[in-house]
Amino acid sequence: MPVETLENFVGGEWVRPTATGYLDVPDPSTGALIARVPRSGAADVDAAVVAARRAFLAWREVPVAERARRVLELRHRLELHAEELARSIVRENGKTLEEAEGSVRRGIEATEFAASAPSTLQGSFLEDVSPGVDTTLIRQPLGVVAGITPFNFPLMIPLWMGPLALVCGNSFILKPSERVPMTATLLARLVAEAGFPAGTFNLVHGEVAAVDALLTHPGVDGVSFVGSAPTARHIYTTAAAHGKRVQALAGAKNFLVVTPDADLDRTVPAILSSAFGQAGERCLAAGVVLAVEPGGDRLVERLGRAIEKLAVGPAAAPGTLVGPVIRADHRQRVLRWIEQGEHGGATIAARGSVPPDAAGYFVPPILFDHVRPEMSIAQEEIFGPVLSVIRVASLAEALEIANRSRFGNAAAIFTRDGRSAREFVHRIEAGMVGVNIGVPAPAAYFPFVGWKGSFYGDLHATGRDAIEFYTRKKVVTTRWF
């Protein structure tokens, strides 16, 4: 297939950026070059902001029901192109087709929620707050909103942001990860086909220069971000310092507690899916299993046998369960974490295999046993197919270890005991909690709730939090003489 040179989408037109220079986009499964993405700069961002600001003035006046119909038309087009979108994700990200299809479905779910805006945007009214005086609360759009999205969900996370921002009456600028720009380009085409006016949805490719220009541009009113913890801190502090509303979803270290009475026939597959699905490159991936004794030996033995059978290979190959990580440098980073775990005293209880002739960026699935809580592999986000097991004497000890983490994205418990499950749900310091569920991702009509160092901001992504984020309240007090 020919190598595609991508363009920005600004003011309803495909345009070449003024900035010079392009980045290569390889297929993670093969290493072959599949696209070149522009390194847009401040002038390119400014052009998008100007177009978005101009479009906003008319778009905010469009009745909310009509904006919702545009979203429903986008949903229809997402359904029509679902297979094309999934295969684009497989090609540029390295997910398996099943994983890609699931992420497309979750993105469509978020779009469906956005279409409910005639209900979710409703305000409130109180008659006679004092004699003859009434008060009305209304929600109005924020203005121009930027979405800065990560490589691991090329479609789903842009759909968390764009449809909701648009249906609330804002204009939107998408800056996708430069590692996965092709699916975002396809999304921009579908948004235009759905009938959104020119300038309401804009796409600017690039890396740090484009991001910093969005964070500091006076014409941008809000920034929504998903990515690593260090970048999230930079996004939050920089954008907030320039007077913008910000939500920055950050990194994670997710703990799964397994009690001795857990149903291992169901627990082990759930842990494998959580830890090794998408090659561990997701913010809800299991990083540490806290095995409550005396169940540790049995659990590790079952996990080890299953891990050694995991089929690692090209994302599009039939039967592949674990695809590649995103880039060669990321593979080296994960391999260094594995080496550090071995040198730190942890035991590799199981190691998957990588096809010997594989040209892509593959990492063998790794299971570490006898990990100590103070080890780096138990504290830091690895973002790869690496799972650590810490043995603990009780649920109380498991909670104490998990709650010491500076992250608080997700956690889960596997147990048959309701009292243990209730205690865990009550005491765990994480925003998204599972009971016998390895990936406790909430549906799009609930907020995606990170705690502690896993989130910077006030209003979370998706659900009613997102409606609040993309609007601002106005309170009108009225007296008629």
Protein backbone atom coordinates (compact mmCIF):
# COMPACT_ATOMS: atom_id res chain seq x y z
CA MET A 1 0.00 0.00 0.00
CA PRO A 2 1.25 3.54 -0.74
CA VAL A 3 2.55 5.69 2.10
CA GLU A 4 0.00 8.41 2.85
CA THR A 5 1.08 11.97 3.63
CA LEU A 6 -1.52 13.43 5.98
CA GLU A 7 -2.98 16.93 6.11
CA ASN A 8 -4.77 19.03 8.68
CA PHE A 9 -8.53 19.66 8.53
CA VAL A 10 -9.24 23.33 9.23
CA GLY A 11 -12.36 25.34 8.52
CA GLY A 12 -13.90 22.49 6.55
CA GLU A 13 -10.89 22.11 4.22
CA TRP A 14 -7.92 19.75 4.03
CA VAL A 15 -4.80 21.91 4.21
CA ARG A 16 -1.08 21.36 4.26
CA PRO A 17 0.55 22.80 7.39
CA THR A 18 2.82 25.81 7.16
CA ALA A 19 5.35 24.13 9.45
CA THR A 20 8.01 22.05 7.75
CA GLY A 21 8.88 18.48 8.62
CA TYR A 22 7.05 15.19 8.90
CA LEU A 23 7.14 12.21 11.25
CA ASP A 24 7.11 8.60 10.11
CA VAL A 25 4.18 6.40 11.15
CA PRO A 26 5.12 2.69 11.12
CA ASP A 27 2.87 -0.34 11.45
CA PRO A 28 3.76 -1.70 14.94
CA SER A 29 3.22 -5.28 13.76
CA THR A 30 5.75 -5.10 10.93
CA GLY A 31 7.76 -1.90 11.31
CA ALA A 32 6.80 -0.94 7.74
CA LEU A 33 6.18 2.75 7.01
CA ILE A 34 2.47 3.40 6.41
CA ALA A 35 2.10 7.21 6.68
CA ARG A 36 3.83 10.52 7.24
CA VAL A 37 2.28 13.00 9.65
CA PRO A 38 2.99 16.76 9.66
CA ARG A 39 4.70 18.47 12.58
CA SER A 40 2.29 21.39 12.79
CA GLY A 41 3.38 24.52 14.61
CA ALA A 42 1.89 27.60 16.24
CA ALA A 43 0.74 29.13 12.95
CA ASP A 44 -1.19 25.98 12.05
CA VAL A 45 -2.84 25.92 15.49
CA ASP A 46 -3.72 29.58 15.16
CA ALA A 47 -5.45 28.92 11.83
CA ALA A 48 -7.53 26.19 13.46
CA VAL A 49 -8.44 28.39 16.43
CA VAL A 50 -9.48 31.25 14.16
CA ALA A 51 -11.69 28.90 12.14
CA ALA A 52 -13.15 27.36 15.28
CA ARG A 53 -13.85 30.73 16.88
CA ARG A 54 -15.59 31.98 13.73
CA ALA A 55 -17.73 28.83 13.50
CA PHE A 56 -18.61 28.91 17.20
CA LEU A 57 -20.53 32.17 16.92
CA ALA A 58 -23.10 30.59 14.58
CA TRP A 59 -22.97 27.03 15.92
CA ARG A 60 -23.91 28.01 19.46
CA GLU A 61 -27.15 29.51 18.05
CA VAL A 62 -28.20 26.20 16.46
CA PRO A 63 -30.99 24.61 18.57
CA VAL A 64 -29.75 21.77 20.73
CA ALA A 65 -32.13 19.29 19.11
CA GLU A 66 -30.59 20.05 15.71
CA ARG A 67 -27.07 19.68 17.12
CA ALA A 68 -28.13 16.30 18.55
CA ARG A 69 -29.42 15.21 15.12
CA ARG A 70 -25.98 15.94 13.68
CA VAL A 71 -24.49 13.71 16.37
CA LEU A 72 -26.96 10.95 15.51
CA GLU A 73 -25.94 11.26 11.85
CA LEU A 74 -22.30 10.88 12.93
CA ARG A 75 -23.27 7.81 14.92
CA HIS A 76 -24.91 6.36 11.81
CA ARG A 77 -21.75 6.94 9.78
CA LEU A 78 -19.58 5.42 12.51
CA GLU A 79 -21.72 2.29 12.31
CA LEU A 80 -21.44 2.18 8.51
CA HIS A 81 -17.66 2.51 8.69
CA ALA A 82 -17.10 0.48 11.87
CA GLU A 83 -15.06 -2.23 10.16
CA GLU A 84 -12.93 0.32 8.29
CA LEU A 85 -12.28 2.20 11.53
CA ALA A 86 -11.37 -0.99 13.39
CA ARG A 87 -8.93 -2.07 10.69
CA SER A 88 -7.34 1.37 10.70
CA ILE A 89 -6.79 1.02 14.47
CA VAL A 90 -5.28 -2.45 14.01
CA ARG A 91 -2.89 -1.15 11.39
CA GLU A 92 -1.56 1.95 13.13
CA ASN A 93 -1.92 0.96 16.81
CA GLY A 94 -1.29 -2.80 16.92
CA LYS A 95 -4.48 -3.87 18.72
CA THR A 96 -6.01 -7.13 17.64
CA LEU A 97 -9.13 -6.82 15.52
CA GLU A 98 -11.35 -7.92 18.40
CA GLU A 99 -9.84 -5.26 20.67
CA ALA A 100 -10.17 -2.61 17.98
CA GLU A 101 -13.79 -3.51 17.34
CA GLY A 102 -14.52 -3.24 21.05
CA SER A 103 -12.98 0.23 21.21
CA VAL A 104 -15.02 1.36 18.20
CA ARG A 105 -18.15 0.12 19.95
CA ARG A 106 -17.27 2.07 23.11
CA GLY A 107 -16.72 5.19 21.02
CA ILE A 108 -20.12 4.79 19.41
CA GLU A 109 -21.60 4.40 22.90
CA ALA A 110 -20.10 7.78 23.87
CA THR A 111 -21.58 9.31 20.72
CA GLU A 112 -25.00 7.93 21.62
CA PHE A 113 -24.75 9.54 25.04
CA ALA A 114 -23.87 12.87 23.44
CA ALA A 115 -27.08 12.71 21.42
CA SER A 116 -29.08 12.83 24.67
CA ALA A 117 -28.16 16.52 25.07
CA PRO A 118 -31.75 17.82 24.91
CA SER A 119 -32.17 16.12 28.28
CA THR A 120 -28.68 16.42 29.81
CA LEU A 121 -28.29 20.11 28.97
CA GLN A 122 -31.45 21.10 30.76
CA GLY A 123 -31.07 23.67 33.51
CA SER A 124 -33.27 24.37 36.53
CA PHE A 125 -35.83 26.91 37.68
CA LEU A 126 -37.05 28.07 41.07
CA GLU A 127 -40.13 30.26 41.35
CA ASP A 128 -40.41 32.92 44.05
CA VAL A 129 -36.94 32.89 45.55
CA SER A 130 -38.35 36.06 47.06
CA PRO A 131 -41.74 37.72 46.40
CA GLY A 132 -42.16 38.11 42.65
CA VAL A 133 -38.59 37.02 41.89
CA ASP A 134 -37.70 33.86 39.96
CA THR A 135 -34.29 32.27 39.33
CA THR A 136 -33.25 30.20 36.31
CA LEU A 137 -30.03 28.25 35.86
CA ILE A 138 -29.00 27.64 32.24
CA ARG A 139 -25.98 25.97 30.63
CA GLN A 140 -24.15 27.64 27.76
CA PRO A 141 -21.19 26.43 25.70
CA LEU A 142 -17.66 27.10 26.82
CA GLY A 143 -16.36 28.24 23.41
CA VAL A 144 -13.43 26.61 21.60
CA VAL A 145 -12.28 23.35 23.14
CA ALA A 146 -9.16 21.35 22.31
CA GLY A 147 -8.88 17.58 22.68
CA ILE A 148 -5.38 16.10 23.00
CA THR A 149 -5.63 12.33 22.74
CA PRO A 150 -3.27 9.35 23.27
CA PHE A 151 -2.06 6.57 21.00
CA ASN A 152 -3.76 3.66 22.76
CA PHE A 153 -7.35 4.52 21.75
CA PRO A 154 -7.19 6.30 18.37
CA LEU A 155 -10.98 6.54 18.00
CA MET A 156 -12.66 5.94 21.34
CA ILE A 157 -11.10 8.82 23.24
CA PRO A 158 -11.64 11.40 20.47
CA LEU A 159 -15.28 10.25 20.56
CA TRP A 160 -15.35 10.77 24.32
CA MET A 161 -14.57 14.43 23.59
CA GLY A 162 -15.66 15.64 20.16
CA PRO A 163 -19.36 14.72 20.01
CA LEU A 164 -20.03 15.98 23.55
CA ALA A 165 -18.15 19.23 22.99
CA LEU A 166 -20.01 19.81 19.73
CA VAL A 167 -23.50 18.94 20.98
CA CYS A 168 -22.99 21.36 23.87
CA GLY A 169 -22.50 24.11 21.28
CA ASN A 170 -18.71 24.39 21.27
CA SER A 171 -16.26 24.24 18.39
CA PHE A 172 -13.65 21.49 18.71
CA ILE A 173 -9.99 21.07 17.74
CA LEU A 174 -8.57 17.55 17.83
CA LYS A 175 -4.83 17.07 18.25
CA PRO A 176 -4.42 13.26 18.06
CA SER A 177 -1.29 11.39 19.01
CA GLU A 178 1.25 11.70 16.22
CA ARG A 179 1.73 7.94 16.59
CA VAL A 180 -1.82 7.14 15.42
CA PRO A 181 -2.97 9.94 13.10
CA MET A 182 -4.74 7.93 10.40
CA THR A 183 -7.88 6.97 12.33
CA ALA A 184 -8.31 10.60 13.40
CA THR A 185 -8.13 11.62 9.76
CA LEU A 186 -10.90 9.14 8.93
CA LEU A 187 -12.97 10.48 11.83
CA ALA A 188 -12.65 14.05 10.53
CA ARG A 189 -14.02 12.91 7.17
CA LEU A 190 -17.01 11.26 8.84
CA VAL A 191 -17.72 14.36 10.96
CA ALA A 192 -17.77 16.50 7.82
CA GLU A 193 -20.06 14.01 6.05
CA ALA A 194 -22.42 14.11 9.03
CA GLY A 195 -23.16 17.76 8.27
CA PHE A 196 -21.33 19.64 11.01
CA PRO A 197 -20.65 23.18 9.76
CA ALA A 198 -17.17 24.07 8.56
CA GLY A 199 -14.88 25.04 11.42
CA THR A 200 -16.87 23.35 14.18
CA PHE A 201 -14.56 20.30 14.01
CA ASN A 202 -10.89 20.82 13.20
CA LEU A 203 -7.95 18.42 13.10
CA VAL A 204 -4.37 19.53 13.70
CA HIS A 205 -1.60 16.95 13.56
CA GLY A 206 1.70 17.38 15.34
CA GLU A 207 3.62 16.85 18.56
CA VAL A 208 4.92 19.10 21.35
CA ALA A 209 4.87 22.39 19.42
CA ALA A 210 1.22 21.93 18.45
CA VAL A 211 0.26 20.92 21.99
CA ASP A 212 1.96 23.90 23.61
CA ALA A 213 0.38 26.26 21.09
CA LEU A 214 -3.07 24.97 22.05
CA LEU A 215 -2.31 25.28 25.76
CA THR A 216 -1.29 28.92 25.49
CA HIS A 217 -3.52 30.24 22.70
CA PRO A 218 -5.91 32.92 24.03
CA GLY A 219 -8.65 31.69 21.69
CA VAL A 220 -8.85 28.24 23.33
CA ASP A 221 -11.26 28.10 26.28
CA GLY A 222 -10.87 24.50 27.45
CA VAL A 223 -8.51 21.55 27.10
CA SER A 224 -9.33 17.88 27.50
CA PHE A 225 -6.36 15.49 27.68
CA VAL A 226 -5.63 11.79 28.14
CA GLY A 227 -2.06 10.53 28.47
CA SER A 228 0.88 9.88 30.75
CA ALA A 229 1.21 11.34 34.25
CA PRO A 230 4.15 13.71 33.50
CA THR A 231 2.43 15.07 30.40
CA ALA A 232 -0.87 15.43 32.25
CA ARG A 233 0.83 17.59 34.88
CA HIS A 234 2.31 19.77 32.15
CA ILE A 235 -1.03 20.05 30.36
CA TYR A 236 -2.89 20.95 33.54
CA THR A 237 -0.44 23.49 34.93
CA THR A 238 0.25 25.21 31.60
CA ALA A 239 -3.34 25.43 30.38
CA ALA A 240 -4.69 26.47 33.79
CA ALA A 241 -2.00 29.16 34.06
CA HIS A 242 -3.36 30.55 30.78
CA GLY A 243 -6.91 30.73 32.13
CA LYS A 244 -8.36 27.61 30.55
CA ARG A 245 -10.66 24.97 31.96
CA VAL A 246 -8.72 21.68 32.01
CA GLN A 247 -9.35 17.99 32.52
CA ALA A 248 -6.19 15.88 32.31
CA LEU A 249 -6.50 12.11 32.66
CA ALA A 250 -3.13 10.72 33.71
CA GLY A 251 -1.27 7.47 34.41
CA ALA A 252 -2.15 4.52 36.58
CA LYS A 253 -0.96 1.55 38.58
CA ASN A 254 -3.97 -0.69 38.98
CA PHE A 255 -4.21 -3.35 41.69
CA LEU A 256 -6.28 -6.52 41.59
CA VAL A 257 -6.91 -8.34 44.87
CA VAL A 258 -7.54 -12.09 44.71
CA THR A 259 -8.84 -13.77 47.87
CA PRO A 260 -8.33 -17.51 48.54
CA ASP A 261 -11.99 -18.26 47.82
CA ALA A 262 -11.99 -16.64 44.35
CA ASP A 263 -13.33 -18.67 41.43
CA LEU A 264 -10.08 -19.13 39.50
CA ASP A 265 -11.80 -20.54 36.43
CA ARG A 266 -13.25 -17.06 35.90
CA THR A 267 -10.63 -14.99 37.72
CA VAL A 268 -7.61 -16.10 35.71
CA PRO A 269 -9.08 -15.21 32.28
CA ALA A 270 -10.21 -11.85 33.66
CA ILE A 271 -6.71 -11.08 34.96
CA LEU A 272 -5.10 -12.15 31.68
CA SER A 273 -7.43 -9.90 29.70
CA SER A 274 -6.79 -6.98 32.02
CA ALA A 275 -3.00 -7.32 32.16
CA PHE A 276 -2.18 -8.45 28.62
CA GLY A 277 -5.05 -7.21 26.46
CA GLN A 278 -3.84 -4.50 24.09
CA ALA A 279 -0.30 -5.53 25.13
CA GLY A 280 -0.91 -3.82 28.49
CA GLU A 281 -1.11 -0.39 26.84
CA ARG A 282 -4.19 1.00 28.56
CA CYS A 283 -4.74 3.01 31.70
CA LEU A 284 -7.07 0.38 33.18
CA ALA A 285 -4.62 -2.51 32.70
CA ALA A 286 -3.82 -4.62 35.75
CA GLY A 287 -0.30 -3.95 36.94
CA VAL A 288 -0.20 -5.78 40.27
CA VAL A 289 -2.09 -8.76 41.67
CA LEU A 290 -2.31 -8.82 45.46
CA ALA A 291 -2.70 -12.53 46.20
CA VAL A 292 -4.16 -13.13 49.65
CA GLU A 293 -2.58 -16.23 51.18
CA PRO A 294 -2.94 -19.16 51.21
CA GLY A 295 -4.10 -18.75 47.61
CA GLY A 296 -0.88 -17.39 46.07
CA ASP A 297 0.75 -20.61 44.85
CA ARG A 298 -2.40 -21.87 43.18
CA LEU A 299 -3.07 -18.52 41.50
CA VAL A 300 0.50 -18.06 40.21
CA GLU A 301 0.59 -21.60 38.87
CA ARG A 302 -2.68 -21.10 36.96
CA LEU A 303 -1.62 -17.70 35.63
CA GLY A 304 1.78 -19.02 34.57
CA ARG A 305 0.37 -21.90 32.54
CA ALA A 306 -2.06 -19.58 30.78
CA ILE A 307 0.55 -16.90 30.03
CA GLU A 308 2.88 -19.38 28.37
CA LYS A 309 0.06 -20.26 25.95
CA LEU A 310 -0.77 -16.67 24.96
CA ALA A 311 -0.37 -16.24 21.21
CA VAL A 312 1.86 -13.24 20.53
CA GLY A 313 2.07 -11.94 16.98
CA PRO A 314 0.97 -9.43 14.35
CA ALA A 315 -2.26 -7.71 15.30
CA ALA A 316 -4.14 -8.72 12.17
CA ALA A 317 -3.04 -12.38 12.24
CA PRO A 318 -5.79 -14.90 13.12
CA GLY A 319 -5.41 -16.25 16.64
CA THR A 320 -3.21 -13.42 17.96
CA LEU A 321 -4.07 -12.59 21.57
CA VAL A 322 -1.21 -10.19 22.35
CA GLY A 323 -0.08 -7.78 19.65
CA PRO A 324 2.92 -5.44 19.55
CA VAL A 325 3.59 -2.36 21.63
CA ILE A 326 3.42 0.94 19.81
CA ARG A 327 7.08 1.67 18.93
CA ALA A 328 10.59 0.24 19.09
CA ASP A 329 11.64 2.75 21.77
CA HIS A 330 8.64 1.79 23.88
CA ARG A 331 9.56 -1.87 23.53
CA GLN A 332 13.05 -1.09 24.83
CA ARG A 333 11.55 0.82 27.74
CA VAL A 334 9.36 -2.16 28.74
CA LEU A 335 12.28 -4.57 28.38
CA ARG A 336 14.31 -2.35 30.71
CA TRP A 337 11.50 -2.59 33.29
CA ILE A 338 11.62 -6.38 33.01
CA GLU A 339 15.38 -6.37 33.49
CA GLN A 340 15.04 -4.05 36.46
CA GLY A 341 12.47 -6.37 38.05
CA GLU A 342 14.81 -9.34 37.72
CA HIS A 343 17.77 -7.43 39.16
CA GLY A 344 15.58 -6.16 41.99
CA GLY A 345 14.89 -9.66 43.26
CA ALA A 346 11.55 -10.53 41.72
CA THR A 347 11.13 -13.96 40.16
CA ILE A 348 9.89 -14.46 36.62
CA ALA A 349 7.23 -17.12 37.13
CA ALA A 350 6.21 -17.23 33.47
CA ARG A 351 7.37 -15.74 30.20
CA GLY A 352 5.43 -15.83 26.95
CA SER A 353 7.09 -16.32 23.62
CA VAL A 354 7.58 -13.98 20.67
CA PRO A 355 7.68 -15.33 17.11
CA PRO A 356 11.39 -15.61 16.22
CA ASP A 357 10.96 -14.00 12.80
CA ALA A 358 8.70 -11.18 13.99
CA ALA A 359 9.66 -7.77 12.58
CA GLY A 360 7.32 -5.73 14.78
CA TYR A 361 7.63 -4.32 18.27
CA PHE A 362 6.81 -7.37 20.36
CA VAL A 363 7.35 -7.92 24.09
CA PRO A 364 6.83 -11.36 25.66
CA PRO A 365 4.12 -11.39 28.36
CA ILE A 366 5.83 -11.55 31.75
CA LEU A 367 4.58 -12.71 35.15
CA PHE A 368 6.67 -11.65 38.14
CA ASP A 369 6.19 -13.42 41.49
CA HIS A 370 7.46 -12.55 44.98
CA VAL A 371 7.42 -8.86 44.18
CA ARG A 372 7.84 -6.52 47.13
CA PRO A 373 5.67 -3.40 47.43
CA GLU A 374 8.68 -1.07 47.44
CA MET A 375 9.99 -2.32 44.08
CA SER A 376 9.71 0.07 41.15
CA ILE A 377 7.84 -2.50 39.05
CA ALA A 378 5.15 -2.47 41.75
CA GLN A 379 4.88 1.31 41.85
CA GLU A 380 5.45 2.70 38.35
CA GLU A 381 3.27 2.44 35.27
CA ILE A 382 5.02 0.11 32.82
CA PHE A 383 2.40 0.29 30.02
CA GLY A 384 3.31 -3.08 28.64
CA PRO A 385 2.50 -6.80 29.06
CA VAL A 386 4.03 -7.16 32.52
CA LEU A 387 2.14 -8.36 35.62
CA SER A 388 3.51 -8.49 39.17
CA VAL A 389 2.26 -10.65 42.05
CA ILE A 390 2.64 -9.53 45.65
CA ARG A 391 1.77 -12.05 48.34
CA VAL A 392 -0.22 -10.64 51.27
CA ALA A 393 -1.54 -12.12 54.49
CA SER A 394 -4.94 -10.45 54.50
CA LEU A 395 -7.35 -8.16 52.69
CA ALA A 396 -6.37 -5.41 55.12
CA GLU A 397 -2.73 -5.69 54.04
CA ALA A 398 -3.77 -5.69 50.38
CA LEU A 399 -5.75 -2.48 50.88
CA GLU A 400 -2.88 -0.85 52.75
CA ILE A 401 -0.44 -1.59 49.89
CA ALA A 402 -2.83 -0.51 47.13
CA ASN A 403 -3.76 2.72 48.92
CA ARG A 404 -0.10 3.71 49.28
CA SER A 405 0.09 4.16 45.50
CA ARG A 406 0.22 7.73 44.26
CA PHE A 407 -2.20 6.65 41.52
CA GLY A 408 -5.89 5.89 41.91
CA ASN A 409 -7.35 5.04 38.55
CA ALA A 410 -8.83 1.54 38.92
CA ALA A 411 -8.82 -1.45 41.26
CA ALA A 412 -10.71 -4.71 41.52
CA ILE A 413 -11.30 -7.62 43.87
CA PHE A 414 -11.98 -11.24 42.96
CA THR A 415 -13.86 -13.02 45.72
CA ARG A 416 -17.02 -14.96 46.52
CA ASP A 417 -17.41 -13.23 49.88
CA GLY A 418 -19.78 -10.28 49.93
CA ARG A 419 -18.38 -8.83 53.12
CA SER A 420 -14.84 -8.73 51.66
CA ALA A 421 -16.15 -7.17 48.47
CA ARG A 422 -18.03 -4.49 50.38
CA GLU A 423 -15.01 -3.65 52.54
CA PHE A 424 -12.85 -3.39 49.44
CA VAL A 425 -15.28 -1.12 47.61
CA HIS A 426 -15.63 1.07 50.70
CA ARG A 427 -11.92 1.44 51.50
CA ILE A 428 -10.03 1.30 48.19
CA GLU A 429 -8.67 4.67 47.06
CA ALA A 430 -9.46 4.44 43.36
CA GLY A 431 -12.13 6.02 41.22
CA MET A 432 -13.19 2.98 39.17
CA VAL A 433 -13.69 -0.25 41.09
CA GLY A 434 -14.51 -3.76 39.94
CA VAL A 435 -15.93 -6.73 41.81
CA ASN A 436 -15.00 -9.86 39.87
CA ILE A 437 -14.33 -7.61 36.86
CA GLY A 438 -10.76 -7.10 35.66
CA VAL A 439 -11.30 -3.93 33.61
CA PRO A 440 -13.88 -1.79 35.45
CA ALA A 441 -14.38 0.71 32.64
CA PRO A 442 -17.65 2.59 33.17
CA ALA A 443 -20.20 2.99 30.42
CA ALA A 444 -20.06 6.35 28.64
CA TYR A 445 -23.03 7.73 30.58
CA PHE A 446 -20.99 7.49 33.81
CA PRO A 447 -17.84 9.55 34.42
CA PHE A 448 -14.37 8.07 33.88
CA VAL A 449 -13.18 8.77 37.40
CA GLY A 450 -9.48 8.76 38.22
CA TRP A 451 -8.31 9.67 41.73
CA LYS A 452 -5.06 11.04 43.13
CA GLY A 453 -2.23 11.23 40.58
CA SER A 454 -4.40 9.63 37.90
CA PHE A 455 -6.37 12.82 37.26
CA TYR A 456 -5.78 16.55 37.24
CA GLY A 457 -8.81 18.79 37.25
CA ASP A 458 -12.30 18.93 38.67
CA LEU A 459 -14.74 17.50 36.10
CA HIS A 460 -14.00 14.08 34.62
CA ALA A 461 -14.43 12.75 31.09
CA THR A 462 -17.72 11.17 29.89
CA GLY A 463 -21.08 11.12 31.62
CA ARG A 464 -22.67 14.17 33.18
CA ASP A 465 -19.25 15.38 34.32
CA ALA A 466 -18.41 15.94 30.66
CA ILE A 467 -21.62 17.91 30.11
CA GLU A 468 -20.56 20.12 33.00
CA PHE A 469 -17.03 20.43 31.63
CA TYR A 470 -18.10 21.54 28.15
CA THR A 471 -20.60 24.12 29.44
CA ARG A 472 -20.67 26.97 31.91
CA LYS A 473 -23.58 27.90 34.10
CA LYS A 474 -25.46 31.14 34.00
CA VAL A 475 -27.94 32.07 36.74
CA VAL A 476 -30.65 34.57 35.81
CA THR A 477 -32.70 36.30 38.48
CA THR A 478 -35.89 37.93 37.16
CA ARG A 479 -38.53 40.34 38.44
CA TRP A 480 -41.31 41.76 36.27
CA PHE A 481 -42.96 45.03 37.28
